[in-house]
C-alpha atoms as a PDB file:
ATOM      1  CA  MET A   1      -0.676  31.846  37.774  1.00  0.00           C
ATOM      2  CA  ASN A   2      -4.304  32.811  37.498  1.00  0.00           C
ATOM      3  CA  THR A   3      -6.631  29.879  38.176  1.00  0.00           C
ATOM      4  CA  ASN A   4      -8.771  30.538  35.172  1.00  0.00           C
ATOM      5  CA  LEU A   5      -5.826  30.901  32.924  1.00  0.00           C
ATOM      6  CA  SER A   6      -4.334  27.518  34.189  1.00  0.00           C
ATOM      7  CA  LEU A   7      -7.650  25.895  33.581  1.00  0.00           C
ATOM      8  CA  ASN A   8      -7.874  27.216  30.051  1.00  0.00           C
ATOM      9  CA  ILE A   9      -4.338  26.159  29.285  1.00  0.00           C
ATOM     10  CA  LEU A  10      -5.188  22.609  30.607  1.00  0.00           C
ATOM     11  CA  ILE A  11      -8.395  22.429  28.497  1.00  0.00           C
ATOM     12  CA  VAL A  12      -6.564  23.612  25.279  1.00  0.00           C
ATOM     13  CA  THR A  13      -3.610  21.197  25.854  1.00  0.00           C
ATOM     14  CA  THR A  14      -5.986  18.287  26.440  1.00  0.00           C
ATOM     15  CA  LEU A  15      -7.932  18.998  23.282  1.00  0.00           C
ATOM     16  CA  LEU A  16      -4.738  19.236  21.279  1.00  0.00           C
ATOM     17  CA  PHE A  17      -3.449  15.914  22.491  1.00  0.00           C
ATOM     18  CA  ALA A  18      -6.905  14.352  21.968  1.00  0.00           C
ATOM     19  CA  GLY A  19      -6.812  15.578  18.403  1.00  0.00           C
ATOM     20  CA  LEU A  20      -3.540  13.852  17.949  1.00  0.00           C
ATOM     21  CA  SER A  21      -4.414  10.612  19.437  1.00  0.00           C
ATOM     22  CA  LEU A  22      -8.092   9.954  18.678  1.00  0.00           C
ATOM     23  CA  SER A  23      -8.992   8.703  15.253  1.00  0.00           C
ATOM     24  CA  ALA A  24     -11.389  10.603  12.979  1.00  0.00           C
ATOM     25  CA  GLN A  25     -13.772   9.425  10.358  1.00  0.00           C
ATOM     26  CA  PRO A  26     -12.193   8.997   6.882  1.00  0.00           C
ATOM     27  CA  GLY A  27     -11.605  12.499   5.414  1.00  0.00           C
ATOM     28  CA  GLU A  28     -11.938  13.810   1.905  1.00  0.00           C
ATOM     29  CA  TRP A  29      -9.308  12.838  -0.678  1.00  0.00           C
ATOM     30  CA  LYS A  30      -6.965  15.820  -1.316  1.00  0.00           C
ATOM     31  CA  LEU A  31      -4.697  15.899  -4.344  1.00  0.00           C
ATOM     32  CA  LYS A  32      -1.112  16.130  -3.102  1.00  0.00           C
ATOM     33  CA  LYS A  33       0.667  16.126  -6.403  1.00  0.00           C
ATOM     34  CA  GLU A  34       0.386  15.125 -10.167  1.00  0.00           C
ATOM     35  CA  ALA A  35       3.662  14.127 -11.845  1.00  0.00           C
ATOM     36  CA  ASP A  36       5.081  11.295 -14.049  1.00  0.00           C
ATOM     37  CA  GLY A  37       1.507  10.321 -14.968  1.00  0.00           C
ATOM     38  CA  LEU A  38       0.438   9.760 -11.471  1.00  0.00           C
ATOM     39  CA  LYS A  39      -2.155  11.474  -9.348  1.00  0.00           C
ATOM     40  CA  VAL A  40      -1.508  11.190  -5.628  1.00  0.00           C
ATOM     41  CA  TYR A  41      -4.034  11.840  -3.113  1.00  0.00           C
ATOM     42  CA  LEU A  42      -3.996  11.720   0.738  1.00  0.00           C
ATOM     43  CA  ARG A  43      -6.864  11.663   3.297  1.00  0.00           C
ATOM     44  CA  ASP A  44      -7.189  11.089   7.075  1.00  0.00           C
ATOM     45  CA  ALA A  45      -7.798   7.453   7.805  1.00  0.00           C
ATOM     46  CA  GLU A  46     -10.382   5.961  10.068  1.00  0.00           C
ATOM     47  CA  ASN A  47      -9.059   4.674  13.411  1.00  0.00           C
ATOM     48  CA  SER A  48      -5.548   5.785  12.719  1.00  0.00           C
ATOM     49  CA  ASN A  49      -3.424   8.862  12.743  1.00  0.00           C
ATOM     50  CA  ILE A  50      -1.442   7.627   9.652  1.00  0.00           C
ATOM     51  CA  LYS A  51      -2.836   9.025   6.457  1.00  0.00           C
ATOM     52  CA  GLU A  52      -4.265   6.846   3.645  1.00  0.00           C
ATOM     53  CA  VAL A  53      -2.755   7.119   0.169  1.00  0.00           C
ATOM     54  CA  LYS A  54      -4.481   6.871  -3.209  1.00  0.00           C
ATOM     55  CA  ILE A  55      -2.698   6.762  -6.519  1.00  0.00           C
ATOM     56  CA  GLU A  56      -4.321   6.844 -10.021  1.00  0.00           C
ATOM     57  CA  ALA A  57      -2.338   5.834 -13.078  1.00  0.00           C
ATOM     58  CA  ILE A  58      -2.652   4.625 -16.570  1.00  0.00           C
ATOM     59  CA  PHE A  59      -0.640   1.563 -17.694  1.00  0.00           C
ATOM     60  CA  ASP A  60       0.082   0.743 -21.363  1.00  0.00           C
ATOM     61  CA  ALA A  61      -0.338  -2.875 -20.680  1.00  0.00           C
ATOM     62  CA  SER A  62      -2.970  -5.706 -20.650  1.00  0.00           C
ATOM     63  CA  LEU A  63      -4.697  -6.981 -17.595  1.00  0.00           C
ATOM     64  CA  SER A  64      -2.745 -10.278 -17.846  1.00  0.00           C
ATOM     65  CA  SER A  65       0.537  -8.432 -17.987  1.00  0.00           C
ATOM     66  CA  ILE A  66      -0.314  -6.421 -14.755  1.00  0.00           C
ATOM     67  CA  ILE A  67      -1.585  -9.408 -12.791  1.00  0.00           C
ATOM     68  CA  THR A  68       1.365 -11.530 -13.830  1.00  0.00           C
ATOM     69  CA  VAL A  69       3.734  -8.886 -12.241  1.00  0.00           C
ATOM     70  CA  LEU A  70       1.671  -8.931  -9.144  1.00  0.00           C
ATOM     71  CA  LYS A  71       1.722 -12.690  -8.816  1.00  0.00           C
ATOM     72  CA  ASP A  72       5.484 -12.901  -9.472  1.00  0.00           C
ATOM     73  CA  VAL A  73       6.373 -12.785  -5.675  1.00  0.00           C
ATOM     74  CA  PRO A  74      10.065 -13.645  -6.012  1.00  0.00           C
ATOM     75  CA  ALA A  75      10.451 -10.543  -8.247  1.00  0.00           C
ATOM     76  CA  TYR A  76       9.021  -8.096  -5.732  1.00  0.00           C
ATOM     77  CA  PRO A  77      12.516  -6.697  -4.575  1.00  0.00           C
ATOM     78  CA  ASP A  78      12.969  -5.584  -8.339  1.00  0.00           C
ATOM     79  CA  TRP A  79      10.203  -3.074  -8.129  1.00  0.00           C
ATOM     80  CA  ILE A  80       8.543  -2.667  -4.788  1.00  0.00           C
ATOM     81  CA  TYR A  81      10.165   0.317  -2.903  1.00  0.00           C
ATOM     82  CA  LYS A  82      12.726  -0.953  -0.314  1.00  0.00           C
ATOM     83  CA  CYS A  83      11.619  -4.596  -0.493  1.00  0.00           C
ATOM     84  CA  ALA A  84      14.809  -6.556   0.409  1.00  0.00           C
ATOM     85  CA  LYS A  85      13.272 -10.008   0.325  1.00  0.00           C
ATOM     86  CA  SER A  86      10.113 -11.707  -0.677  1.00  0.00           C
ATOM     87  CA  GLU A  87       8.803 -15.335  -0.686  1.00  0.00           C
ATOM     88  CA  ARG A  88       5.649 -17.242  -0.943  1.00  0.00           C
ATOM     89  CA  MET A  89       4.307 -18.788   2.243  1.00  0.00           C
ATOM     90  CA  GLU A  90       1.825 -21.002   0.370  1.00  0.00           C
ATOM     91  CA  PRO A  91       1.396 -22.211  -3.205  1.00  0.00           C
ATOM     92  CA  GLY A  92      -0.360 -19.439  -4.994  1.00  0.00           C
ATOM     93  CA  THR A  93      -3.709 -19.887  -6.831  1.00  0.00           C
ATOM     94  CA  ASN A  94      -5.351 -17.875  -9.572  1.00  0.00           C
ATOM     95  CA  THR A  95      -7.207 -15.802  -7.034  1.00  0.00           C
ATOM     96  CA  SER A  96      -5.233 -15.971  -3.806  1.00  0.00           C
ATOM     97  CA  SER A  97      -1.766 -15.692  -2.518  1.00  0.00           C
ATOM     98  CA  VAL A  98       0.152 -15.614   0.892  1.00  0.00           C
ATOM     99  CA  TYR A  99       3.612 -14.057   0.924  1.00  0.00           C
ATOM    100  CA  TYR A 100       6.364 -12.640   3.136  1.00  0.00           C
ATOM    101  CA  CYS A 101       8.401  -9.425   2.634  1.00  0.00           C
ATOM    102  CA  GLU A 102      11.342  -7.725   4.439  1.00  0.00           C
ATOM    103  CA  VAL A 103      11.461  -4.012   4.102  1.00  0.00           C
ATOM    104  CA  ASP A 104      14.744  -2.103   4.367  1.00  0.00           C
ATOM    105  CA  PHE A 105      14.474   0.896   6.661  1.00  0.00           C
ATOM    106  CA  PRO A 106      17.197   3.526   6.952  1.00  0.00           C
ATOM    107  CA  TRP A 107      19.719   3.283   9.877  1.00  0.00           C
ATOM    108  CA  PRO A 108      19.274   3.578  12.856  1.00  0.00           C
ATOM    109  CA  LEU A 109      15.772   2.349  12.400  1.00  0.00           C
ATOM    110  CA  SER A 110      14.996  -1.445  12.522  1.00  0.00           C
ATOM    111  CA  ASP A 111      14.038  -3.077   9.227  1.00  0.00           C
ATOM    112  CA  ARG A 112      10.501  -4.165   9.019  1.00  0.00           C
ATOM    113  CA  ASP A 113       8.608  -7.353   7.814  1.00  0.00           C
ATOM    114  CA  PHE A 114       5.112  -8.411   7.034  1.00  0.00           C
ATOM    115  CA  VAL A 115       3.013 -11.341   5.951  1.00  0.00           C
ATOM    116  CA  ALA A 116       0.160 -10.526   3.532  1.00  0.00           C
ATOM    117  CA  LYS A 117      -2.831 -12.326   2.036  1.00  0.00           C
ATOM    118  CA  SER A 118      -4.168 -11.162  -1.240  1.00  0.00           C
ATOM    119  CA  ALA A 119      -7.512 -11.980  -2.815  1.00  0.00           C
ATOM    120  CA  LEU A 120      -8.422 -11.281  -6.539  1.00  0.00           C
ATOM    121  CA  ARG A 121     -11.776 -11.016  -8.181  1.00  0.00           C
ATOM    122  CA  GLN A 122     -12.960  -9.851 -11.472  1.00  0.00           C
ATOM    123  CA  ASP A 123     -16.339  -8.322 -12.414  1.00  0.00           C
ATOM    124  CA  PRO A 124     -17.718 -10.442 -15.204  1.00  0.00           C
ATOM    125  CA  GLY A 125     -19.703  -7.530 -16.527  1.00  0.00           C
ATOM    126  CA  THR A 126     -17.085  -4.713 -16.526  1.00  0.00           C
ATOM    127  CA  LYS A 127     -13.979  -6.948 -16.577  1.00  0.00           C
ATOM    128  CA  ASN A 128     -12.604  -4.829 -13.780  1.00  0.00           C
ATOM    129  CA  VAL A 129     -10.130  -6.621 -11.621  1.00  0.00           C
ATOM    130  CA  TYR A 130     -10.056  -6.066  -7.754  1.00  0.00           C
ATOM    131  CA  ILE A 131      -7.205  -7.169  -5.498  1.00  0.00           C
ATOM    132  CA  ASP A 132      -7.418  -6.836  -1.675  1.00  0.00           C
ATOM    133  CA  VAL A 133      -4.289  -7.230   0.302  1.00  0.00           C
ATOM    134  CA  LYS A 134      -4.341  -7.525   4.038  1.00  0.00           C
ATOM    135  CA  SER A 135      -1.539  -8.106   6.638  1.00  0.00           C
ATOM    136  CA  ALA A 136      -1.575 -11.430   8.487  1.00  0.00           C
ATOM    137  CA  PRO A 137       0.918 -10.647  11.281  1.00  0.00           C
ATOM    138  CA  ALA A 138       0.171 -13.836  13.288  1.00  0.00           C
ATOM    139  CA  TYR A 139       0.839 -16.101  10.348  1.00  0.00           C
ATOM    140  CA  LEU A 140       4.564 -16.248  11.070  1.00  0.00           C
ATOM    141  CA  PRO A 141       6.479 -15.839  14.341  1.00  0.00           C
ATOM    142  CA  GLU A 142       8.198 -12.506  14.616  1.00  0.00           C
ATOM    143  CA  LYS A 143      11.917 -12.456  13.851  1.00  0.00           C
ATOM    144  CA  ASP A 144      14.764 -10.985  16.010  1.00  0.00           C
ATOM    145  CA  GLY A 145      15.785  -7.632  14.800  1.00  0.00           C
ATOM    146  CA  LEU A 146      12.741  -6.929  12.696  1.00  0.00           C
ATOM    147  CA  VAL A 147       9.648  -4.976  13.494  1.00  0.00           C
ATOM    148  CA  ARG A 148       6.475  -6.813  12.337  1.00  0.00           C
ATOM    149  CA  ILE A 149       4.076  -4.551  10.447  1.00  0.00           C
ATOM    150  CA  ALA A 150       0.686  -5.398  11.763  1.00  0.00           C
ATOM    151  CA  THR A 151      -1.340  -2.937   9.724  1.00  0.00           C
ATOM    152  CA  LEU A 152      -1.180  -3.170   5.974  1.00  0.00           C
ATOM    153  CA  ASN A 153      -4.275  -2.763   3.740  1.00  0.00           C
ATOM    154  CA  ILE A 154      -3.944  -2.396  -0.049  1.00  0.00           C
ATOM    155  CA  GLN A 155      -6.714  -2.151  -2.601  1.00  0.00           C
ATOM    156  CA  TYR A 156      -6.186  -2.389  -6.361  1.00  0.00           C
ATOM    157  CA  GLU A 157      -8.819  -1.660  -8.908  1.00  0.00           C
ATOM    158  CA  PHE A 158      -7.747  -2.213 -12.496  1.00  0.00           C
ATOM    159  CA  ILE A 159     -10.108  -0.854 -15.226  1.00  0.00           C
ATOM    160  CA  PRO A 160      -9.618  -2.022 -18.713  1.00  0.00           C
ATOM    161  CA  LEU A 161      -9.830   0.924 -21.154  1.00  0.00           C
ATOM    162  CA  SER A 162      -8.598  -1.073 -24.273  1.00  0.00           C
ATOM    163  CA  GLU A 163      -6.765  -4.215 -25.096  1.00  0.00           C
ATOM    164  CA  ASN A 164      -3.501  -2.744 -23.831  1.00  0.00           C
ATOM    165  CA  GLU A 165      -4.481   0.202 -21.745  1.00  0.00           C
ATOM    166  CA  VAL A 166      -5.592  -0.180 -18.073  1.00  0.00           C
ATOM    167  CA  LYS A 167      -6.503   2.535 -15.436  1.00  0.00           C
ATOM    168  CA  MET A 168      -5.432   1.713 -11.989  1.00  0.00           C
ATOM    169  CA  ASN A 169      -6.799   2.995  -8.728  1.00  0.00           C
ATOM    170  CA  TYR A 170      -4.476   2.047  -5.768  1.00  0.00           C
ATOM    171  CA  ARG A 171      -5.204   2.636  -2.149  1.00  0.00           C
ATOM    172  CA  LEU A 172      -2.942   2.001   0.760  1.00  0.00           C
ATOM    173  CA  HIS A 173      -3.077   2.339   4.497  1.00  0.00           C
ATOM    174  CA  SER A 174      -0.081   1.040   6.518  1.00  0.00           C
ATOM    175  CA  ASP A 175       1.394   1.598   9.838  1.00  0.00           C
ATOM    176  CA  PRO A 176       5.156   0.880  10.024  1.00  0.00           C
ATOM    177  CA  GLY A 177       4.942   0.197  13.730  1.00  0.00           C
ATOM    178  CA  GLY A 178       7.715   0.789  16.223  1.00  0.00           C
ATOM    179  CA  ALA A 179       8.158   4.103  17.964  1.00  0.00           C
ATOM    180  CA  LEU A 180       7.850   6.264  14.769  1.00  0.00           C
ATOM    181  CA  PRO A 181       5.567   9.129  15.481  1.00  0.00           C
ATOM    182  CA  ALA A 182       2.583   9.567  13.086  1.00  0.00           C
ATOM    183  CA  TRP A 183       3.598  13.155  12.049  1.00  0.00           C
ATOM    184  CA  LEU A 184       6.967  11.834  10.893  1.00  0.00           C
ATOM    185  CA  VAL A 185       5.370   8.894   8.925  1.00  0.00           C
ATOM    186  CA  ASN A 186       2.846  11.225   7.269  1.00  0.00           C
ATOM    187  CA  MET A 187       5.685  13.522   5.976  1.00  0.00           C
ATOM    188  CA  ALA A 188       6.691  10.845   3.549  1.00  0.00           C
ATOM    189  CA  VAL A 189       3.736   8.463   3.532  1.00  0.00           C
ATOM    190  CA  ASP A 190       3.331   8.652  -0.215  1.00  0.00           C
ATOM    191  CA  ASN A 191       6.988   8.190  -1.140  1.00  0.00           C
ATOM    192  CA  GLY A 192       7.019   4.345  -0.990  1.00  0.00           C
ATOM    193  CA  PRO A 193       3.755   3.869  -2.910  1.00  0.00           C
ATOM    194  CA  VAL A 194       4.772   6.364  -5.626  1.00  0.00           C
ATOM    195  CA  ASN A 195       8.120   4.606  -6.249  1.00  0.00           C
ATOM    196  CA  THR A 196       6.440   1.277  -6.182  1.00  0.00           C
ATOM    197  CA  ILE A 197       3.950   2.257  -8.868  1.00  0.00           C
ATOM    198  CA  LYS A 198       6.826   3.598 -10.987  1.00  0.00           C
ATOM    199  CA  GLY A 199       8.737   0.293 -10.436  1.00  0.00           C
ATOM    200  CA  MET A 200       5.649  -1.621 -11.584  1.00  0.00           C
ATOM    201  CA  ARG A 201       5.477   0.472 -14.790  1.00  0.00           C
ATOM    202  CA  GLU A 202       9.046  -0.407 -15.580  1.00  0.00           C
ATOM    203  CA  MET A 203       8.453  -4.127 -14.883  1.00  0.00           C
ATOM    204  CA  LEU A 204       5.711  -4.077 -17.440  1.00  0.00           C
ATOM    205  CA  LYS A 205       8.174  -3.104 -20.209  1.00  0.00           C
ATOM    206  CA  GLN A 206       9.781  -6.572 -19.817  1.00  0.00           C
ATOM    207  CA  ASP A 207       9.003  -9.067 -22.581  1.00  0.00           C
ATOM    208  CA  LYS A 208       8.019 -11.898 -20.184  1.00  0.00           C
ATOM    209  CA  TYR A 209       5.263  -9.762 -18.793  1.00  0.00           C
ATOM    210  CA  LYS A 210       4.219  -8.055 -22.002  1.00  0.00           C
ATOM    211  CA  ARG A 211       3.629 -11.547 -23.516  1.00  0.00           C
ATOM    212  CA  ALA A 212       1.856 -12.862 -20.492  1.00  0.00           C
ATOM    213  CA  LYS A 213      -1.681 -14.331 -21.012  1.00  0.00           C
ATOM    214  CA  LEU A 214      -3.709 -15.654 -18.065  1.00  0.00           C
ATOM    215  CA  ALA A 215      -6.564 -17.997 -19.016  1.00  0.00           C
ATOM    216  CA  PHE A 216      -8.633 -17.149 -15.916  1.00  0.00           C
ATOM    217  CA  LEU A 217      -8.872 -13.484 -16.747  1.00  0.00           C
ATOM    218  CA  MET A 218     -11.355 -11.945 -19.250  1.00  0.00           C
ATOM    219  CA  GLU A 219      -9.512  -9.389 -21.368  1.00  0.00           C
END
């Protein structure tokens, strides 16, 4: 083979694989779909080949109702996509929580689990509520047969529009770990979050959440 041609092939191949493995700066949000009252966006994430997801939605619910659903850790399997088990790791407070979840993955893949810490704050001026959720993989020893999810970052922003109408901005970046290639994860990276938000919407229809009032929140 011609030496120059071989060199060019080597350079192109190197650049291609570098593009697959090196992280880029966060990209621009691109609308993937708009359906069922949800707007779903994707963008390249910083320091990862797994894309970041953003979902915008309007809930016919109060802030108290929404936060009560999020604080009800034992009920997570009822609405969080593929959540098979959930439990508190520490007694929850008004503004913080530590919890554990197991996630059902399709055979022959191993199921996953994660420990997460959440922190809530409310802007006293706008009444917007912000919740940051971050993985804490070292909090609990890894379990046999489960792949520990080490990267999980969720950001909620809840903007009250009226007494019983709240706009949500939801952002997720997670890496399921294991040997799954990034291109395969990215093919369905928004599937779990979309089904989870739909599940939350259904939970908010239950009377025990509709009637909820949290004294520490400004409505």
